[in-house]
Every structure is written in structure tokens, then in C-alpha cells.
Amino acid sequence: MLQKQLLLPVFLAGCETTDEHLRQTARTYCSWWNERTRYDMFLTANALLEEVWSNDSPNAWWGSTIDQKSRSNVGSGDARQYLFG
């Protein structure tokens, strides 16, 4: 499925861009494929992008946001890991 293979580059590009038009393109891509395939990975990627974009600091790296989410529930048994690939 080509849409699954394109999700990673769309996600990575979405994390790096500050252009609102390109961010909307990433949102639309994830939403469109989520509606058609019902694969949660598109919904999850969209939610992660929104969290990355909500950080207003121009010097913040998006990887720190993902890392923080992975570590936030380590002791509770609800730790989440994100696999990009």
C-alpha cells in the first residue's frame, strides 16, 4: 500500500515545516487516508503532528516531543513507543 509507505516522509516533512500551507497538506493527507483505510496510524500521526506544531519555541526539536511522550508513562505500565519505519 503506497499510502503507508508515504506516511513516514509526510510525517517527517510535516514535523520540520513551519509553513501553514504545508502543514495543512500533511493534515489533509493523514485525514484522507484515515477515512478510507481506518488504519489508526494515520490518525496517530496527525495527532502527533498537532502536538509538535503546538510547541511555539523556534528552537525546539520535534524529536524531543516524541521522546517526552514515550517516557511520560514509563512507570505506569502505559508506556508508548513510536516506530517510524
N, C-alpha and C. Protein backbone atom coordinates (compact mmCIF):
# COMPACT_ATOMS: atom_id res chain seq x y z
N MET A 1 0.83 -1.17 0.00
CA MET A 1 0.00 0.00 0.00
C MET A 1 0.88 1.24 0.00
N LEU A 2 0.79 1.98 -1.04
CA LEU A 2 1.62 3.17 -1.21
C LEU A 2 1.37 4.21 -0.13
N GLN A 3 0.13 4.37 0.31
CA GLN A 3 -0.16 5.39 1.31
C GLN A 3 0.58 5.14 2.62
N LYS A 4 0.80 3.87 2.99
CA LYS A 4 1.55 3.57 4.21
C LYS A 4 3.02 3.90 4.02
N GLN A 5 3.55 3.68 2.83
CA GLN A 5 4.96 3.97 2.57
C GLN A 5 5.22 5.47 2.55
N LEU A 6 4.24 6.25 2.19
CA LEU A 6 4.40 7.70 2.13
C LEU A 6 4.15 8.39 3.47
N LEU A 7 3.57 7.69 4.43
CA LEU A 7 3.26 8.32 5.71
C LEU A 7 4.52 8.82 6.41
N LEU A 8 5.57 8.04 6.45
CA LEU A 8 6.79 8.47 7.15
C LEU A 8 7.38 9.74 6.55
N PRO A 9 7.60 9.83 5.23
CA PRO A 9 8.13 11.09 4.70
C PRO A 9 7.18 12.27 4.90
N VAL A 10 5.88 12.04 4.81
CA VAL A 10 4.91 13.12 5.06
C VAL A 10 5.00 13.56 6.51
N PHE A 11 5.10 12.60 7.43
CA PHE A 11 5.21 12.92 8.85
C PHE A 11 6.50 13.70 9.14
N LEU A 12 7.62 13.22 8.63
CA LEU A 12 8.90 13.89 8.88
C LEU A 12 8.91 15.30 8.29
N ALA A 13 8.41 15.43 7.08
CA ALA A 13 8.34 16.77 6.46
C ALA A 13 7.40 17.67 7.24
N GLY A 14 6.29 17.11 7.70
CA GLY A 14 5.35 17.89 8.49
C GLY A 14 5.96 18.38 9.79
N CYS A 15 6.77 17.55 10.42
CA CYS A 15 7.44 17.96 11.67
C CYS A 15 8.41 19.10 11.43
N GLU A 16 9.06 19.11 10.29
CA GLU A 16 10.10 20.10 10.02
C GLU A 16 9.57 21.43 9.50
N THR A 17 8.41 21.43 8.89
CA THR A 17 7.94 22.66 8.25
C THR A 17 7.28 23.63 9.22
N THR A 18 7.44 24.89 8.91
CA THR A 18 6.73 25.94 9.66
C THR A 18 5.69 26.61 8.76
N ASP A 19 5.62 26.19 7.51
CA ASP A 19 4.68 26.75 6.54
C ASP A 19 3.28 26.18 6.79
N GLU A 20 2.31 27.05 7.04
CA GLU A 20 0.96 26.60 7.36
C GLU A 20 0.30 25.84 6.21
N HIS A 21 0.58 26.23 4.97
CA HIS A 21 0.02 25.52 3.81
C HIS A 21 0.53 24.08 3.77
N LEU A 22 1.81 23.87 4.02
CA LEU A 22 2.36 22.52 4.02
C LEU A 22 1.85 21.71 5.21
N ARG A 23 1.65 22.36 6.33
CA ARG A 23 1.07 21.67 7.48
C ARG A 23 -0.34 21.20 7.16
N GLN A 24 -1.10 22.04 6.48
CA GLN A 24 -2.46 21.67 6.10
C GLN A 24 -2.43 20.51 5.12
N THR A 25 -1.46 20.47 4.24
CA THR A 25 -1.31 19.35 3.31
C THR A 25 -1.09 18.05 4.07
N ALA A 26 -0.24 18.08 5.09
CA ALA A 26 0.01 16.89 5.91
C ALA A 26 -1.26 16.48 6.66
N ARG A 27 -1.98 17.43 7.21
CA ARG A 27 -3.25 17.15 7.90
C ARG A 27 -4.24 16.46 6.95
N THR A 28 -4.37 17.05 5.77
CA THR A 28 -5.31 16.52 4.78
C THR A 28 -4.93 15.11 4.36
N TYR A 29 -3.64 14.88 4.13
CA TYR A 29 -3.16 13.54 3.74
C TYR A 29 -3.54 12.51 4.81
N CYS A 30 -3.21 12.82 6.06
CA CYS A 30 -3.49 11.88 7.15
C CYS A 30 -4.99 11.65 7.32
N SER A 31 -5.76 12.70 7.28
CA SER A 31 -7.21 12.59 7.44
C SER A 31 -7.85 11.81 6.30
N TRP A 32 -7.42 12.12 5.08
CA TRP A 32 -7.99 11.46 3.91
C TRP A 32 -7.76 9.95 3.97
N TRP A 33 -6.51 9.55 4.25
CA TRP A 33 -6.21 8.12 4.30
C TRP A 33 -6.80 7.44 5.52
N ASN A 34 -6.92 8.16 6.62
CA ASN A 34 -7.57 7.58 7.80
C ASN A 34 -9.03 7.25 7.50
N GLU A 35 -9.72 8.15 6.83
CA GLU A 35 -11.13 7.93 6.50
C GLU A 35 -11.31 6.75 5.55
N ARG A 36 -10.38 6.55 4.65
CA ARG A 36 -10.54 5.50 3.65
C ARG A 36 -10.05 4.14 4.12
N THR A 37 -9.00 4.11 4.94
CA THR A 37 -8.43 2.83 5.34
C THR A 37 -8.77 2.42 6.76
N ARG A 38 -9.09 3.39 7.60
CA ARG A 38 -9.35 3.16 9.03
C ARG A 38 -8.13 2.60 9.76
N TYR A 39 -6.94 2.81 9.21
CA TYR A 39 -5.70 2.47 9.91
C TYR A 39 -5.42 3.57 10.92
N ASP A 40 -5.28 3.20 12.17
CA ASP A 40 -5.06 4.19 13.23
C ASP A 40 -3.75 4.95 13.08
N MET A 41 -2.81 4.41 12.32
CA MET A 41 -1.52 5.08 12.19
C MET A 41 -1.66 6.47 11.57
N PHE A 42 -2.63 6.66 10.70
CA PHE A 42 -2.84 7.98 10.09
C PHE A 42 -3.41 8.96 11.12
N LEU A 43 -4.32 8.48 11.94
CA LEU A 43 -4.90 9.30 13.00
C LEU A 43 -3.85 9.65 14.05
N THR A 44 -3.03 8.66 14.42
CA THR A 44 -1.96 8.88 15.40
C THR A 44 -0.93 9.87 14.86
N ALA A 45 -0.54 9.71 13.60
CA ALA A 45 0.44 10.63 13.01
C ALA A 45 -0.10 12.05 13.00
N ASN A 46 -1.37 12.20 12.67
CA ASN A 46 -1.99 13.53 12.66
C ASN A 46 -1.97 14.15 14.05
N ALA A 47 -2.31 13.37 15.07
CA ALA A 47 -2.31 13.87 16.45
C ALA A 47 -0.90 14.24 16.89
N LEU A 48 0.09 13.43 16.53
CA LEU A 48 1.48 13.75 16.88
C LEU A 48 1.94 15.03 16.19
N LEU A 49 1.56 15.20 14.94
CA LEU A 49 1.93 16.43 14.23
C LEU A 49 1.33 17.65 14.93
N GLU A 50 0.09 17.56 15.34
CA GLU A 50 -0.54 18.68 16.03
C GLU A 50 0.19 19.01 17.33
N GLU A 51 0.65 17.99 18.04
CA GLU A 51 1.41 18.24 19.27
C GLU A 51 2.75 18.90 18.97
N VAL A 52 3.42 18.42 17.94
CA VAL A 52 4.70 19.02 17.55
C VAL A 52 4.49 20.48 17.17
N TRP A 53 3.46 20.75 16.40
CA TRP A 53 3.19 22.12 15.94
C TRP A 53 2.74 23.04 17.07
N SER A 54 2.18 22.49 18.13
CA SER A 54 1.71 23.33 19.23
C SER A 54 2.86 23.91 20.05
N ASN A 55 4.05 23.37 19.90
CA ASN A 55 5.22 23.90 20.61
C ASN A 55 5.68 25.15 19.87
N ASP A 56 5.53 26.29 20.51
CA ASP A 56 5.82 27.57 19.86
C ASP A 56 7.29 27.95 19.84
N SER A 57 8.12 27.21 20.54
CA SER A 57 9.54 27.58 20.61
C SER A 57 10.22 27.32 19.27
N PRO A 58 10.85 28.34 18.68
CA PRO A 58 11.50 28.15 17.39
C PRO A 58 12.74 27.26 17.46
N ASN A 59 13.29 27.08 18.65
CA ASN A 59 14.49 26.26 18.81
C ASN A 59 14.19 24.83 19.25
N ALA A 60 12.92 24.51 19.42
CA ALA A 60 12.55 23.17 19.87
C ALA A 60 12.67 22.18 18.72
N TRP A 61 13.16 20.99 19.04
CA TRP A 61 13.26 19.92 18.05
C TRP A 61 12.07 19.00 18.23
N TRP A 62 11.42 18.62 17.16
CA TRP A 62 10.22 17.79 17.24
C TRP A 62 10.49 16.44 17.88
N GLY A 63 11.71 15.93 17.75
CA GLY A 63 12.05 14.64 18.35
C GLY A 63 11.93 14.65 19.86
N SER A 64 12.15 15.80 20.47
CA SER A 64 12.00 15.92 21.92
C SER A 64 10.56 15.72 22.35
N THR A 65 9.63 16.18 21.55
CA THR A 65 8.21 15.99 21.84
C THR A 65 7.86 14.51 21.80
N ILE A 66 8.34 13.81 20.79
CA ILE A 66 8.08 12.37 20.66
C ILE A 66 8.74 11.62 21.81
N ASP A 67 9.98 11.98 22.13
CA ASP A 67 10.71 11.33 23.22
C ASP A 67 9.99 11.53 24.54
N GLN A 68 9.51 12.72 24.79
CA GLN A 68 8.80 13.02 26.03
C GLN A 68 7.53 12.18 26.14
N LYS A 69 6.82 12.00 25.04
CA LYS A 69 5.61 11.17 25.05
C LYS A 69 5.96 9.72 25.33
N SER A 70 7.08 9.25 24.83
CA SER A 70 7.50 7.87 25.05
C SER A 70 7.88 7.62 26.50
N ARG A 71 8.43 8.63 27.16
CA ARG A 71 8.91 8.47 28.53
C ARG A 71 7.88 8.85 29.59
N SER A 72 6.83 9.53 29.23
CA SER A 72 5.91 10.11 30.21
C SER A 72 5.19 9.08 31.07
N ASN A 73 4.97 7.89 30.57
CA ASN A 73 4.21 6.88 31.32
C ASN A 73 5.04 5.63 31.62
N VAL A 74 6.35 5.78 31.70
CA VAL A 74 7.22 4.61 31.85
C VAL A 74 6.88 3.79 33.09
N GLY A 75 6.70 4.40 34.23
CA GLY A 75 6.43 3.67 35.47
C GLY A 75 5.01 3.18 35.62
N SER A 76 4.11 3.64 34.79
CA SER A 76 2.69 3.32 34.97
C SER A 76 2.23 2.08 34.21
N GLY A 77 3.09 1.49 33.43
CA GLY A 77 2.70 0.34 32.63
C GLY A 77 1.99 0.73 31.34
N ASP A 78 1.87 2.02 31.09
CA ASP A 78 1.20 2.52 29.89
C ASP A 78 2.18 3.24 28.98
N ALA A 79 3.43 2.80 28.99
CA ALA A 79 4.45 3.45 28.15
C ALA A 79 4.13 3.18 26.69
N ARG A 80 4.34 4.18 25.87
CA ARG A 80 4.10 4.05 24.44
C ARG A 80 5.40 4.20 23.70
N GLN A 81 5.54 3.43 22.66
CA GLN A 81 6.69 3.56 21.80
C GLN A 81 6.19 3.84 20.40
N TYR A 82 6.93 4.66 19.69
CA TYR A 82 6.56 5.00 18.33
C TYR A 82 7.59 4.43 17.38
N LEU A 83 7.14 3.67 16.41
CA LEU A 83 8.01 3.04 15.43
C LEU A 83 7.84 3.78 14.12
N PHE A 84 8.91 4.37 13.64
CA PHE A 84 8.88 5.10 12.38
C PHE A 84 9.67 4.33 11.34
N GLY A 85 9.02 3.42 10.69
CA GLY A 85 9.72 2.70 9.65
C GLY A 85 9.08 1.39 9.34
